[in-house]
Amino acid sequence: MAKMEFGELDQYLFGQATHYDIYKKLGAHPVTQNGKSGTYFAVWAPNAEDVSVVGEFNDWDPERHPMKKTGPIGVWETFVAGAKVGDLYKFCIRAMDGRLLYKADPYASWSEMRPGNASRIADITGFKWGDAAWLKKRKETDPRRAALSIYEVHPGSWKKHPASDGDPDGFYSYRELAHELADYVKRMGYTHVELMGIAEHPFDGSWGYQVTGYYAPTARFGSPKEFKYLVNYLHKNKIGVILDWVPAHFPKDAHGLAEFDGTCIYEHSDPRQGEHPDWGTKIFNYGKNEVKNFLIANALYWIEEFHVDGLRVDAVASMLYLDYNRRDGEWEQNVKGGKENLEAIAFLQKCNTANLGRHPHKMMIAEESTAWPLVTKPAADGGLGFNFKWNMGWMNDMLSYMKTDPLFRAGNHNKVTFSFFYAFSENFVLPISHDEVVHGKCSLINKMPGDYEAKFANLRTFYGYMMAHPGKKLLFMGQEFGQFIEWDEKKQLDWMLLGYDKHHELQTYVKDLNHFYRETASLWQVDYSWEGFQWIVPDDNKQSVIAFLRRDAKGKMLLVVCNFNPVLRESYSMGVPNPGTYKELINSDDVKYGGTGVKNGSVKSVKGPMHGFDQHIEVTLPPLSTIYFSVPAARKKAGKPAKAETAEAAKPEKAAKPAATKTAAPKKRTAKPVATKPAAKKPRAAKTTKPKTPVTES
């Protein structure tokens, strides 16, 4: 074959930040040249005095294989005969001050298993994909108008093998994970998995958010082709794959990107722009074209080479603000005198435009915790160009509300309704992520007030409300069955809890919610417009009750009623849009979900104006419950309803009947576990790769 080289066109495109296949030129690539099998190496190190490649193929000798600088942009290259797939290697860089730096390859597709930190020669070509049907369907689907229920997974702790001398970590391989995870996710009804910690990282306690190998699927679980097997298998089982992606910062590890050639080529040299003081990490220099190219091509690499369906972009707020987590004197204003990071904004716009321009059916999801405007609007319209944003405001409000004792929820009713002031300003994902169940925040079930039974009833009510609220859904692993202790990346989930009734019943409820959600277009088809939502009872703060309608594109409706108080409400009246029979479809208080068994069955509307409608229904609201009702089709063309009245028209609660009178006979199993709050555990510290200080972003 022709000699592989970093030519003039490569130099030009790389310098313009438009060489989106740069990973096919930089890095290590097995080739045959002049009849000899070996590997072509290329690395960007513009300020190096000289560079050589060292590895298992030359006894790590810096004198054996010097590299040649190809042009003014600062790329060095060489061909090493006999260097083969699987061999470990590094670049030996002589800095201008004479230091020898041994650096891992920034573009390596495979890395040495930690604690080693060398790169490994890989060939990621030739994998036989079997997901053509999935990719075809995805190209025909606008994800904003599709069902999206995401299961967030940390692969190293979802499930583990028992530790042994030969396998102290007990990690599932990518292949093992493919089969176990696909079976579970498919059964549970999730549409996608979001995988944490796939890009190579040296410290387990960083959860994958301290990346040193941006192009390398972590060796903890296998090779790059085995990671392709995982994605391929999930796709064949009709499960989408989203990866966490971390372009906001990187660690200071000696083998990584920091001061790569002895100077700051990936990061700003000024610590006011180049470092996160609280996190102990470096910040990319988004104004440098070669750095922008590195990151944009990396996003495309995961989407195009590994077929992933989207990227959840970590810590976007830290990129947008120059004063993020900084005190006065620790940052400087931009050229316009503001605190916005103009270079980072331009980078995000260019990155999202490149990715969604080539793949409009994929997802770029922002973890952005502030009120920054137009996050999910196109860059051409002044937006950041993402197509989804995590709704951190909704998450904070609702967790605060659910933690509140029901006796005091009346005074916090606005936390349930406030999100609708901005619910349609962006394309939101509702996230209950790993960040909410670590660092002493306690597990989701343990955030719920009350005794053992009440905790589950509160959580079921919350999940029902969450599934019906406009926006896509995300739930972190373990929360679907009520994991009691905080998540610990060193241990697998407490799957043994499924041997207890309440945990098994909660899992069944989440499974049924997911499947119902996927089958009910009114819950996802019109997520980002008032056309898909209508209040019926927004302001019954006295009784902590809300009711609303969800509509699909054809006008078919679902009625949702939530009672956030542990009080039985009989003959609760509310206006409804159409006359006819309203059938109960999902009731969180169903005995099969661990509830008390208060049901409505079917209720018929009666004439009489209420909440702006010409008819109303009377229903029984179980204590702490969410109920979904079908809405009968209109008998004739209905006019627009009048402005909704206040919820004071709803009848006040009657004397509450003791919950015990409605409770089904308990099943007999082993004794239930005690719902105690464990002592908070934080990831252990490390010298160079500390986990980030928990704020609102991971």
Foldseek 3Di string as FASTA:
>chain_A
DDDQDCDPVNLVCLQQLNPLVVLVRAAWAFDADPNFTWIKHKAAQQQFPWKAKAWPQHPRDRVPGTWDADDNRRMTIDTDGPHDFFIWMWMFTQGPVGDTATAAGQSAAAADAPPDGTGTHHDLPDQDFDLPVLVVVLLVDAVLQAAAAEEEDAQQFQDFDPADPVRNSRGAALQRCLVVVLVVCVLLQGQEYEYWQQAADHDVQQRNQAHQHLNYGHPPRHHSSSNLVSQRSSSVSNYAYEYEHELFWHWDDRRGQDCNNVHNPQADPQQLGFHDVQQRTGGGPLQRSSNLSSRLSSLVCCCPSSVHQEYEYFPVQSLFFSCVVHDPPSHAADPVRHGTPVSSLVSLLVSLCVVCVVPVSGFYEYAHQDPDAQQCPHVVVVHSNGQEYEPLLLVVLVLVLQLDDLVCNLVSLCSLVVCVVCQQRHQYEHDPELLCQADQNWDSLLSGDDFPLRSLLSLLLVVLSNQQAQHHYYDYPPVQQPQQAGDDSSHHTPVVLCLDQLSVLSNVSSSVSSVVSNVDSLSRSPRNDCVQKDWWASNPSVQSKTWIWGAHPVGFIKIKIWGNAQFKFFFWKTDDAAFDKKAWDDKCQCVSSVHLHDDFGIWGWDADDAQQHRIMTTGIHHGSMMIMIGDDDHPDDDDDGDHTDHSVPTDDGDHGDPSVVRHDDDDDDPDNDGNDYDDHDRRDQDDIRGHRDRDSID
